[in-house]
Amino acid sequence: MNLKTIINGHHHQLALIIGNGINRYNSDGNLNSWDAMLLDLWIKHTDDEAKDIPLGISLTEFYDALDLSSTSKTKNLQKEFCDFLVGWNAKPHHHAMMDWAKRHSAPVLTTNFDETLSDCAALQLHHTDAVRFTDFYPWASYFSSSKIQNPAQEFAIWHINGIKRYSRSIRLGLSHYMGSVERARTLIHKGGEGRLFAESNQGKWNGRDTWLHIIFNNDLLFIGLGLDTSEIFLRWLLIERAKYFKTFPGRAKKAWYVHAGRNLSQGQTIFLKSVGCEIVKEESYDALYGGIWNN
């Protein structure tokens, strides 16, 4: 099994989940590194000139530590983080991947805040429910060329952890992630027959108009995403996804975690396999983002 086999053989129900690897591929140094951007904010707002994020603290916890340690009373860390994203431009591999997704009507979820993917496809922002829209949790907002009817069956780009234009939506800290877990848990487990785990549920649940619908109704391909212990929210969702499929085996979908470079840790391997993700290692990052997407 390799990336080519996956995208050629499963594209009819495949959704792409894209991390910051797509921006770091062929980029200049630390230009698109979240670690580097958080360190810049740390140096700006504290008296400690840290050169790297130390062991013993996750990236999400480091953000909360920054928020708590800052001496500024007028800071808006989410907005300042978004300012780092100004000027990020799409490269040929961005265009190729989005063209592939559009050709195959594959939904795209991203943990990135920048709008590079939607910009390169010339897409507009839409809301499935404009009346109840909130810029704090724009989970029912997506980028596409026109309005869609079913998130799981049509091409659109959805942002899991927030969108640059709505700085309040940016999820960076552990407290942010726990808020997302609480909100998702309400949609998944509460609401009577509207909850995801309801026996009679066949797609008409409380989260059907959000990107959560894709998580539970599509095969998933993770690419350019670390999915390490800092990704608390997404890892929790994968646990809930596995529990859902164990409860309703007939609704089960596949998932692949594709990566290059160094081998995964034993812990990460155990986690991914336990939630039903097949691990696929490619020989190089060129194999992840190169000409494979032109087919």
C-alpha atoms as a PDB file:
ATOM      1  CA  MET A   1       0.000   0.000   0.000  1.00  0.00           C
ATOM      2  CA  ASN A   2       1.288   3.460  -0.920  1.00  0.00           C
ATOM      3  CA  LEU A   3      -0.153   6.938  -1.490  1.00  0.00           C
ATOM      4  CA  LYS A   4      -0.746   6.306  -5.195  1.00  0.00           C
ATOM      5  CA  THR A   5      -2.755   3.167  -4.455  1.00  0.00           C
ATOM      6  CA  ILE A   6      -4.878   5.021  -1.897  1.00  0.00           C
ATOM      7  CA  ILE A   7      -5.811   8.017  -4.031  1.00  0.00           C
ATOM      8  CA  ASN A   8      -6.402   5.896  -7.132  1.00  0.00           C
ATOM      9  CA  GLY A   9      -8.433   3.177  -5.459  1.00  0.00           C
ATOM     10  CA  HIS A  10     -10.475   4.992  -2.814  1.00  0.00           C
ATOM     11  CA  HIS A  11     -11.164   8.461  -4.196  1.00  0.00           C
ATOM     12  CA  HIS A  12     -14.925   7.914  -4.415  1.00  0.00           C
ATOM     13  CA  GLN A  13     -15.342   8.332  -0.653  1.00  0.00           C
ATOM     14  CA  LEU A  14     -11.996   9.817   0.349  1.00  0.00           C
ATOM     15  CA  ALA A  15     -11.503  13.016   2.341  1.00  0.00           C
ATOM     16  CA  LEU A  16      -8.106  14.698   2.667  1.00  0.00           C
ATOM     17  CA  ILE A  17      -6.972  15.968   6.078  1.00  0.00           C
ATOM     18  CA  ILE A  18      -4.060  18.310   5.474  1.00  0.00           C
ATOM     19  CA  GLY A  19      -1.619  19.732   7.998  1.00  0.00           C
ATOM     20  CA  ASN A  20       1.098  22.363   7.845  1.00  0.00           C
ATOM     21  CA  GLY A  21       3.456  20.013   6.013  1.00  0.00           C
ATOM     22  CA  ILE A  22       1.986  21.243   2.752  1.00  0.00           C
ATOM     23  CA  ASN A  23       3.177  24.777   3.585  1.00  0.00           C
ATOM     24  CA  ARG A  24       6.596  23.704   4.832  1.00  0.00           C
ATOM     25  CA  TYR A  25       7.363  21.630   1.738  1.00  0.00           C
ATOM     26  CA  ASN A  26       9.885  23.549  -0.397  1.00  0.00           C
ATOM     27  CA  SER A  27       9.571  26.584   1.904  1.00  0.00           C
ATOM     28  CA  ASP A  28      12.394  28.847   3.059  1.00  0.00           C
ATOM     29  CA  GLY A  29      13.792  27.763   6.436  1.00  0.00           C
ATOM     30  CA  ASN A  30      11.392  28.384   9.333  1.00  0.00           C
ATOM     31  CA  LEU A  31       9.142  30.659   7.296  1.00  0.00           C
ATOM     32  CA  ASN A  32       6.101  28.434   7.807  1.00  0.00           C
ATOM     33  CA  SER A  33       7.016  26.834  11.136  1.00  0.00           C
ATOM     34  CA  TRP A  34       4.400  27.145  13.893  1.00  0.00           C
ATOM     35  CA  ASP A  35       7.079  26.414  16.493  1.00  0.00           C
ATOM     36  CA  ALA A  36       9.141  29.359  15.261  1.00  0.00           C
ATOM     37  CA  MET A  37       6.135  31.686  15.224  1.00  0.00           C
ATOM     38  CA  LEU A  38       5.189  30.791  18.798  1.00  0.00           C
ATOM     39  CA  LEU A  39       8.795  31.347  19.896  1.00  0.00           C
ATOM     40  CA  ASP A  40       8.732  34.797  18.290  1.00  0.00           C
ATOM     41  CA  LEU A  41       5.628  35.650  20.318  1.00  0.00           C
ATOM     42  CA  TRP A  42       7.251  34.245  23.466  1.00  0.00           C
ATOM     43  CA  ILE A  43      10.293  36.483  23.027  1.00  0.00           C
ATOM     44  CA  LYS A  44       8.062  39.484  22.311  1.00  0.00           C
ATOM     45  CA  HIS A  45       5.758  39.070  25.305  1.00  0.00           C
ATOM     46  CA  THR A  46       7.972  37.600  28.047  1.00  0.00           C
ATOM     47  CA  ASP A  47      11.365  38.267  29.587  1.00  0.00           C
ATOM     48  CA  ASP A  48      12.652  34.808  28.665  1.00  0.00           C
ATOM     49  CA  GLU A  49      14.469  34.552  25.324  1.00  0.00           C
ATOM     50  CA  ALA A  50      13.877  30.841  24.699  1.00  0.00           C
ATOM     51  CA  LYS A  51      15.676  29.420  21.669  1.00  0.00           C
ATOM     52  CA  ASP A  52      13.347  26.442  21.288  1.00  0.00           C
ATOM     53  CA  ILE A  53      10.303  24.853  22.857  1.00  0.00           C
ATOM     54  CA  PRO A  54      11.733  22.713  25.676  1.00  0.00           C
ATOM     55  CA  LEU A  55      10.983  19.096  26.464  1.00  0.00           C
ATOM     56  CA  GLY A  56       8.216  18.492  28.970  1.00  0.00           C
ATOM     57  CA  ILE A  57       5.677  20.892  27.463  1.00  0.00           C
ATOM     58  CA  SER A  58       3.475  20.366  24.423  1.00  0.00           C
ATOM     59  CA  LEU A  59       2.995  22.997  21.734  1.00  0.00           C
ATOM     60  CA  THR A  60      -0.539  23.677  22.948  1.00  0.00           C
ATOM     61  CA  GLU A  61       0.594  24.004  26.565  1.00  0.00           C
ATOM     62  CA  PHE A  62       3.413  26.318  25.453  1.00  0.00           C
ATOM     63  CA  TYR A  63       0.803  28.689  24.007  1.00  0.00           C
ATOM     64  CA  ASP A  64      -1.118  28.709  27.297  1.00  0.00           C
ATOM     65  CA  ALA A  65       2.137  29.277  29.187  1.00  0.00           C
ATOM     66  CA  LEU A  66       2.802  32.229  26.874  1.00  0.00           C
ATOM     67  CA  ASP A  67      -0.653  33.640  27.528  1.00  0.00           C
ATOM     68  CA  LEU A  68      -0.178  33.325  31.286  1.00  0.00           C
ATOM     69  CA  SER A  69       3.408  34.657  31.320  1.00  0.00           C
ATOM     70  CA  SER A  70       2.859  37.673  29.092  1.00  0.00           C
ATOM     71  CA  THR A  71       3.364  41.059  30.731  1.00  0.00           C
ATOM     72  CA  SER A  72       1.266  42.851  28.113  1.00  0.00           C
ATOM     73  CA  LYS A  73      -2.267  43.897  29.038  1.00  0.00           C
ATOM     74  CA  THR A  74      -3.335  44.699  25.481  1.00  0.00           C
ATOM     75  CA  LYS A  75      -2.134  41.565  23.677  1.00  0.00           C
ATOM     76  CA  ASN A  76      -4.252  39.550  21.262  1.00  0.00           C
ATOM     77  CA  LEU A  77      -2.137  36.480  20.666  1.00  0.00           C
ATOM     78  CA  GLN A  78      -4.559  34.886  18.217  1.00  0.00           C
ATOM     79  CA  LYS A  79      -4.548  38.011  16.052  1.00  0.00           C
ATOM     80  CA  GLU A  80      -0.759  38.339  16.302  1.00  0.00           C
ATOM     81  CA  PHE A  81      -0.348  34.721  15.247  1.00  0.00           C
ATOM     82  CA  CYS A  82      -2.578  35.363  12.223  1.00  0.00           C
ATOM     83  CA  ASP A  83      -0.371  38.320  11.281  1.00  0.00           C
ATOM     84  CA  PHE A  84       2.473  35.846  10.701  1.00  0.00           C
ATOM     85  CA  LEU A  85       0.387  34.203   7.974  1.00  0.00           C
ATOM     86  CA  VAL A  86       0.174  37.312   5.801  1.00  0.00           C
ATOM     87  CA  GLY A  87       1.989  36.768   2.525  1.00  0.00           C
ATOM     88  CA  TRP A  88       1.796  32.968   2.476  1.00  0.00           C
ATOM     89  CA  ASN A  89       1.291  31.988  -1.149  1.00  0.00           C
ATOM     90  CA  ALA A  90       0.258  28.803  -2.884  1.00  0.00           C
ATOM     91  CA  LYS A  91       2.880  26.800  -4.730  1.00  0.00           C
ATOM     92  CA  PRO A  92       2.366  24.298  -7.552  1.00  0.00           C
ATOM     93  CA  HIS A  93       1.792  21.397  -5.153  1.00  0.00           C
ATOM     94  CA  HIS A  94      -1.025  23.322  -3.420  1.00  0.00           C
ATOM     95  CA  HIS A  95      -2.744  23.783  -6.778  1.00  0.00           C
ATOM     96  CA  ALA A  96      -2.190  20.153  -7.797  1.00  0.00           C
ATOM     97  CA  MET A  97      -3.703  18.723  -4.610  1.00  0.00           C
ATOM     98  CA  MET A  98      -6.739  21.005  -4.703  1.00  0.00           C
ATOM     99  CA  ASP A  99      -7.277  20.307  -8.411  1.00  0.00           C
ATOM    100  CA  TRP A 100      -7.220  16.577  -7.626  1.00  0.00           C
ATOM    101  CA  ALA A 101      -9.716  17.005  -4.777  1.00  0.00           C
ATOM    102  CA  LYS A 102     -12.018  19.062  -6.964  1.00  0.00           C
ATOM    103  CA  ARG A 103     -11.891  16.528  -9.829  1.00  0.00           C
ATOM    104  CA  HIS A 104     -12.825  13.702  -7.479  1.00  0.00           C
ATOM    105  CA  SER A 105     -15.361  15.614  -5.341  1.00  0.00           C
ATOM    106  CA  ALA A 106     -13.209  14.925  -2.287  1.00  0.00           C
ATOM    107  CA  PRO A 107     -13.795  17.048   0.823  1.00  0.00           C
ATOM    108  CA  VAL A 108     -10.705  18.714   2.280  1.00  0.00           C
ATOM    109  CA  LEU A 109     -10.201  19.336   5.995  1.00  0.00           C
ATOM    110  CA  THR A 110      -7.213  21.281   7.218  1.00  0.00           C
ATOM    111  CA  THR A 111      -5.756  22.057  10.619  1.00  0.00           C
ATOM    112  CA  ASN A 112      -4.097  25.136   9.077  1.00  0.00           C
ATOM    113  CA  PHE A 113      -5.370  28.648   9.730  1.00  0.00           C
ATOM    114  CA  ASP A 114      -4.142  30.243   6.503  1.00  0.00           C
ATOM    115  CA  GLU A 115      -6.378  30.392   3.430  1.00  0.00           C
ATOM    116  CA  THR A 116      -3.722  29.316   0.943  1.00  0.00           C
ATOM    117  CA  LEU A 117      -5.674  26.255  -0.190  1.00  0.00           C
ATOM    118  CA  SER A 118      -8.888  28.154  -0.882  1.00  0.00           C
ATOM    119  CA  ASP A 119      -7.001  31.044  -2.480  1.00  0.00           C
ATOM    120  CA  CYS A 120      -5.274  28.808  -5.006  1.00  0.00           C
ATOM    121  CA  ALA A 121      -8.631  27.319  -6.029  1.00  0.00           C
ATOM    122  CA  ALA A 122     -10.325  30.761  -6.142  1.00  0.00           C
ATOM    123  CA  LEU A 123     -13.043  29.682  -3.707  1.00  0.00           C
ATOM    124  CA  GLN A 124     -15.503  31.747  -1.710  1.00  0.00           C
ATOM    125  CA  LEU A 125     -16.560  31.331   1.930  1.00  0.00           C
ATOM    126  CA  HIS A 126     -20.051  29.936   2.527  1.00  0.00           C
ATOM    127  CA  HIS A 127     -22.024  29.081   5.670  1.00  0.00           C
ATOM    128  CA  THR A 128     -24.426  26.139   5.946  1.00  0.00           C
ATOM    129  CA  ASP A 129     -26.404  28.053   8.553  1.00  0.00           C
ATOM    130  CA  ALA A 130     -25.764  31.794   8.278  1.00  0.00           C
ATOM    131  CA  VAL A 131     -28.357  32.569  10.962  1.00  0.00           C
ATOM    132  CA  ARG A 132     -26.436  30.697  13.679  1.00  0.00           C
ATOM    133  CA  PHE A 133     -22.954  31.546  12.382  1.00  0.00           C
ATOM    134  CA  THR A 134     -20.344  32.348  15.021  1.00  0.00           C
ATOM    135  CA  ASP A 135     -16.834  33.525  14.263  1.00  0.00           C
ATOM    136  CA  PHE A 136     -15.703  31.749  17.442  1.00  0.00           C
ATOM    137  CA  TYR A 137     -16.539  28.275  16.112  1.00  0.00           C
ATOM    138  CA  PRO A 138     -17.092  28.549  12.323  1.00  0.00           C
ATOM    139  CA  TRP A 139     -17.493  24.789  11.960  1.00  0.00           C
ATOM    140  CA  ALA A 140     -20.351  25.144   9.480  1.00  0.00           C
ATOM    141  CA  SER A 141     -18.311  27.467   7.248  1.00  0.00           C
ATOM    142  CA  TYR A 142     -16.497  26.189   4.185  1.00  0.00           C
ATOM    143  CA  PHE A 143     -14.740  27.386   1.046  1.00  0.00           C
ATOM    144  CA  SER A 144     -16.163  26.272  -2.295  1.00  0.00           C
ATOM    145  CA  SER A 145     -17.172  27.586  -5.702  1.00  0.00           C
ATOM    146  CA  SER A 146     -20.873  27.307  -4.766  1.00  0.00           C
ATOM    147  CA  LYS A 147     -23.079  26.111  -1.924  1.00  0.00           C
ATOM    148  CA  ILE A 148     -22.988  22.388  -1.203  1.00  0.00           C
ATOM    149  CA  GLN A 149     -25.659  19.996   0.051  1.00  0.00           C
ATOM    150  CA  ASN A 150     -23.649  17.199   1.681  1.00  0.00           C
ATOM    151  CA  PRO A 151     -20.233  17.862   3.277  1.00  0.00           C
ATOM    152  CA  ALA A 152     -19.204  14.197   2.891  1.00  0.00           C
ATOM    153  CA  GLN A 153     -19.883  13.962  -0.841  1.00  0.00           C
ATOM    154  CA  GLU A 154     -18.746  17.292  -2.321  1.00  0.00           C
ATOM    155  CA  PHE A 155     -15.505  19.191  -2.682  1.00  0.00           C
ATOM    156  CA  ALA A 156     -15.096  22.022  -0.200  1.00  0.00           C
ATOM    157  CA  ILE A 157     -12.359  23.154   2.172  1.00  0.00           C
ATOM    158  CA  TRP A 158     -13.097  23.136   5.894  1.00  0.00           C
ATOM    159  CA  HIS A 159     -10.897  24.495   8.694  1.00  0.00           C
ATOM    160  CA  ILE A 160     -10.788  22.330  11.823  1.00  0.00           C
ATOM    161  CA  ASN A 161      -8.906  24.676  14.147  1.00  0.00           C
ATOM    162  CA  GLY A 162     -10.018  28.089  12.887  1.00  0.00           C
ATOM    163  CA  ILE A 163      -9.648  30.472   9.941  1.00  0.00           C
ATOM    164  CA  LYS A 164      -7.221  33.372   9.661  1.00  0.00           C
ATOM    165  CA  ARG A 165      -9.927  35.948   8.870  1.00  0.00           C
ATOM    166  CA  TYR A 166     -11.672  35.127  12.166  1.00  0.00           C
ATOM    167  CA  SER A 167      -8.902  35.501  14.745  1.00  0.00           C
ATOM    168  CA  ARG A 168     -11.220  34.478  17.612  1.00  0.00           C
ATOM    169  CA  SER A 169     -11.649  31.080  15.961  1.00  0.00           C
ATOM    170  CA  ILE A 170      -7.928  30.236  16.112  1.00  0.00           C
ATOM    171  CA  ARG A 171      -7.309  27.201  18.334  1.00  0.00           C
ATOM    172  CA  LEU A 172      -3.742  27.254  19.655  1.00  0.00           C
ATOM    173  CA  GLY A 173      -3.783  26.432  23.365  1.00  0.00           C
ATOM    174  CA  LEU A 174      -4.815  23.448  25.430  1.00  0.00           C
ATOM    175  CA  SER A 175      -7.728  25.472  26.817  1.00  0.00           C
ATOM    176  CA  HIS A 176      -8.833  26.188  23.232  1.00  0.00           C
ATOM    177  CA  TYR A 177      -8.722  22.502  22.349  1.00  0.00           C
ATOM    178  CA  MET A 178     -10.687  21.505  25.427  1.00  0.00           C
ATOM    179  CA  GLY A 179     -13.367  24.008  24.417  1.00  0.00           C
ATOM    180  CA  SER A 180     -13.532  22.340  21.001  1.00  0.00           C
ATOM    181  CA  VAL A 181     -13.845  18.919  22.636  1.00  0.00           C
ATOM    182  CA  GLU A 182     -16.724  20.159  24.773  1.00  0.00           C
ATOM    183  CA  ARG A 183     -18.524  21.622  21.762  1.00  0.00           C
ATOM    184  CA  ALA A 184     -18.035  18.482  19.666  1.00  0.00           C
ATOM    185  CA  ARG A 185     -19.101  16.207  22.521  1.00  0.00           C
ATOM    186  CA  THR A 186     -22.415  18.060  22.726  1.00  0.00           C
ATOM    187  CA  LEU A 187     -23.059  17.474  19.012  1.00  0.00           C
ATOM    188  CA  ILE A 188     -21.957  13.839  19.096  1.00  0.00           C
ATOM    189  CA  HIS A 189     -23.484  12.586  22.347  1.00  0.00           C
ATOM    190  CA  LYS A 190     -26.393  14.865  23.239  1.00  0.00           C
ATOM    191  CA  GLY A 191     -29.718  15.764  21.648  1.00  0.00           C
ATOM    192  CA  GLY A 192     -31.752  12.540  21.743  1.00  0.00           C
ATOM    193  CA  GLU A 193     -32.257  11.162  18.241  1.00  0.00           C
ATOM    194  CA  GLY A 194     -30.078  13.982  16.920  1.00  0.00           C
ATOM    195  CA  ARG A 195     -26.930  12.601  18.524  1.00  0.00           C
ATOM    196  CA  LEU A 196     -24.450  10.735  16.363  1.00  0.00           C
ATOM    197  CA  PHE A 197     -24.666   7.506  18.364  1.00  0.00           C
ATOM    198  CA  ALA A 198     -28.465   7.228  18.054  1.00  0.00           C
ATOM    199  CA  GLU A 199     -29.481   3.818  16.688  1.00  0.00           C
ATOM    200  CA  SER A 200     -31.794   5.349  14.091  1.00  0.00           C
ATOM    201  CA  ASN A 201     -29.262   7.910  12.912  1.00  0.00           C
ATOM    202  CA  GLN A 202     -28.532   7.549   9.209  1.00  0.00           C
ATOM    203  CA  GLY A 203     -26.789  10.830   8.546  1.00  0.00           C
ATOM    204  CA  LYS A 204     -29.369  13.232   9.975  1.00  0.00           C
ATOM    205  CA  TRP A 205     -27.586  14.161  13.187  1.00  0.00           C
ATOM    206  CA  ASN A 206     -26.784  17.440  14.917  1.00  0.00           C
ATOM    207  CA  GLY A 207     -23.383  17.827  13.263  1.00  0.00           C
ATOM    208  CA  ARG A 208     -24.422  16.923   9.715  1.00  0.00           C
ATOM    209  CA  ASP A 209     -23.844  20.477   8.420  1.00  0.00           C
ATOM    210  CA  THR A 210     -20.347  20.793   9.904  1.00  0.00           C
ATOM    211  CA  TRP A 211     -16.966  19.317   9.035  1.00  0.00           C
ATOM    212  CA  LEU A 212     -17.552  16.750  11.807  1.00  0.00           C
ATOM    213  CA  HIS A 213     -19.864  14.932   9.385  1.00  0.00           C
ATOM    214  CA  ILE A 214     -16.854  14.181   7.179  1.00  0.00           C
ATOM    215  CA  ILE A 215     -14.857  12.674  10.050  1.00  0.00           C
ATOM    216  CA  PHE A 216     -17.531  10.035  10.668  1.00  0.00           C
ATOM    217  CA  ASN A 217     -18.727   9.392   7.098  1.00  0.00           C
ATOM    218  CA  ASN A 218     -15.632   9.310   4.879  1.00  0.00           C
ATOM    219  CA  ASP A 219     -12.431   7.382   4.419  1.00  0.00           C
ATOM    220  CA  LEU A 220      -9.707   9.714   5.729  1.00  0.00           C
ATOM    221  CA  LEU A 221      -6.258  10.401   4.328  1.00  0.00           C
ATOM    222  CA  PHE A 222      -3.942  12.286   6.704  1.00  0.00           C
ATOM    223  CA  ILE A 223      -1.044  14.034   5.007  1.00  0.00           C
ATOM    224  CA  GLY A 224       1.416  16.669   6.238  1.00  0.00           C
ATOM    225  CA  LEU A 225       0.049  16.372   9.759  1.00  0.00           C
ATOM    226  CA  GLY A 226       2.063  15.326  12.787  1.00  0.00           C
ATOM    227  CA  LEU A 227      -0.954  14.013  14.735  1.00  0.00           C
ATOM    228  CA  ASP A 228       1.303  13.924  17.786  1.00  0.00           C
ATOM    229  CA  THR A 229       0.272  14.398  21.404  1.00  0.00           C
ATOM    230  CA  SER A 230      -0.271  18.142  20.843  1.00  0.00           C
ATOM    231  CA  GLU A 231      -3.211  17.374  18.523  1.00  0.00           C
ATOM    232  CA  ILE A 232      -5.492  16.613  21.475  1.00  0.00           C
ATOM    233  CA  PHE A 233      -8.752  17.573  19.780  1.00  0.00           C
ATOM    234  CA  LEU A 234      -8.235  15.653  16.551  1.00  0.00           C
ATOM    235  CA  ARG A 235      -6.869  12.597  18.374  1.00  0.00           C
ATOM    236  CA  TRP A 236      -9.935  12.623  20.633  1.00  0.00           C
ATOM    237  CA  LEU A 237     -12.167  12.757  17.559  1.00  0.00           C
ATOM    238  CA  LEU A 238     -10.388   9.718  16.131  1.00  0.00           C
ATOM    239  CA  ILE A 239     -11.067   7.852  19.366  1.00  0.00           C
ATOM    240  CA  GLU A 240     -14.759   8.788  19.133  1.00  0.00           C
ATOM    241  CA  ARG A 241     -14.746   7.741  15.469  1.00  0.00           C
ATOM    242  CA  ALA A 242     -13.331   4.318  16.380  1.00  0.00           C
ATOM    243  CA  LYS A 243     -15.928   3.899  19.159  1.00  0.00           C
ATOM    244  CA  TYR A 244     -18.692   4.841  16.714  1.00  0.00           C
ATOM    245  CA  PHE A 245     -17.553   2.248  14.176  1.00  0.00           C
ATOM    246  CA  LYS A 246     -17.239  -0.375  16.924  1.00  0.00           C
ATOM    247  CA  THR A 247     -20.844   0.352  17.924  1.00  0.00           C
ATOM    248  CA  PHE A 248     -22.069   0.349  14.301  1.00  0.00           C
ATOM    249  CA  PRO A 249     -19.670  -1.878  12.297  1.00  0.00           C
ATOM    250  CA  GLY A 250     -21.735  -1.465   9.154  1.00  0.00           C
ATOM    251  CA  ARG A 251     -20.906   2.252   9.082  1.00  0.00           C
ATOM    252  CA  ALA A 252     -17.126   1.785   9.431  1.00  0.00           C
ATOM    253  CA  LYS A 253     -14.745   3.693   7.148  1.00  0.00           C
ATOM    254  CA  LYS A 254     -11.017   3.426   6.483  1.00  0.00           C
ATOM    255  CA  ALA A 255      -8.188   5.801   7.356  1.00  0.00           C
ATOM    256  CA  TRP A 256      -4.565   6.178   6.300  1.00  0.00           C
ATOM    257  CA  TYR A 257      -1.758   8.166   7.868  1.00  0.00           C
ATOM    258  CA  VAL A 258       0.854   8.875   5.200  1.00  0.00           C
ATOM    259  CA  HIS A 259       4.235  10.316   6.143  1.00  0.00           C
ATOM    260  CA  ALA A 260       7.876  10.582   5.091  1.00  0.00           C
ATOM    261  CA  GLY A 261      11.119  11.243   6.931  1.00  0.00           C
ATOM    262  CA  ARG A 262      11.868   9.678  10.307  1.00  0.00           C
ATOM    263  CA  ASN A 263       9.952   6.713  11.674  1.00  0.00           C
ATOM    264  CA  LEU A 264       7.019   7.267  14.002  1.00  0.00           C
ATOM    265  CA  SER A 265       7.472   6.692  17.721  1.00  0.00           C
ATOM    266  CA  GLN A 266       6.147   3.511  19.253  1.00  0.00           C
ATOM    267  CA  GLY A 267       3.476   5.464  21.110  1.00  0.00           C
ATOM    268  CA  GLN A 268       2.208   7.218  18.007  1.00  0.00           C
ATOM    269  CA  THR A 269       2.160   3.930  16.108  1.00  0.00           C
ATOM    270  CA  ILE A 270       0.108   2.290  18.859  1.00  0.00           C
ATOM    271  CA  PHE A 271      -2.349   5.198  18.902  1.00  0.00           C
ATOM    272  CA  LEU A 272      -2.871   5.346  15.131  1.00  0.00           C
ATOM    273  CA  LYS A 273      -3.397   1.611  14.797  1.00  0.00           C
ATOM    274  CA  SER A 274      -5.817   1.551  17.732  1.00  0.00           C
ATOM    275  CA  VAL A 275      -8.087   4.130  16.080  1.00  0.00           C
ATOM    276  CA  GLY A 276      -8.057   2.306  12.746  1.00  0.00           C
ATOM    277  CA  CYS A 277      -5.410   4.279  10.837  1.00  0.00           C
ATOM    278  CA  GLU A 278      -3.175   2.300   8.515  1.00  0.00           C
ATOM    279  CA  ILE A 279       0.338   3.775   8.537  1.00  0.00           C
ATOM    280  CA  VAL A 280       1.982   4.320   5.163  1.00  0.00           C
ATOM    281  CA  LYS A 281       5.548   5.573   4.860  1.00  0.00           C
ATOM    282  CA  GLU A 282       6.799   7.091   1.615  1.00  0.00           C
ATOM    283  CA  GLU A 283      10.480   7.411   0.702  1.00  0.00           C
ATOM    284  CA  SER A 284      10.496  11.202   0.399  1.00  0.00           C
ATOM    285  CA  TYR A 285       8.399  14.340   0.757  1.00  0.00           C
ATOM    286  CA  ASP A 286       8.439  14.605  -3.021  1.00  0.00           C
ATOM    287  CA  ALA A 287       6.376  11.413  -3.043  1.00  0.00           C
ATOM    288  CA  LEU A 288       3.782  13.147  -0.857  1.00  0.00           C
ATOM    289  CA  TYR A 289       3.476  16.445  -2.709  1.00  0.00           C
ATOM    290  CA  GLY A 290       4.930  15.814  -6.156  1.00  0.00           C
ATOM    291  CA  GLY A 291       3.433  14.812  -9.497  1.00  0.00           C
ATOM    292  CA  ILE A 292       1.289  12.069  -7.996  1.00  0.00           C
ATOM    293  CA  TRP A 293      -1.585  14.556  -7.640  1.00  0.00           C
ATOM    294  CA  ASN A 294      -1.650  15.359 -11.375  1.00  0.00           C
ATOM    295  CA  ASN A 295      -3.314  12.049 -12.218  1.00  0.00           C
END
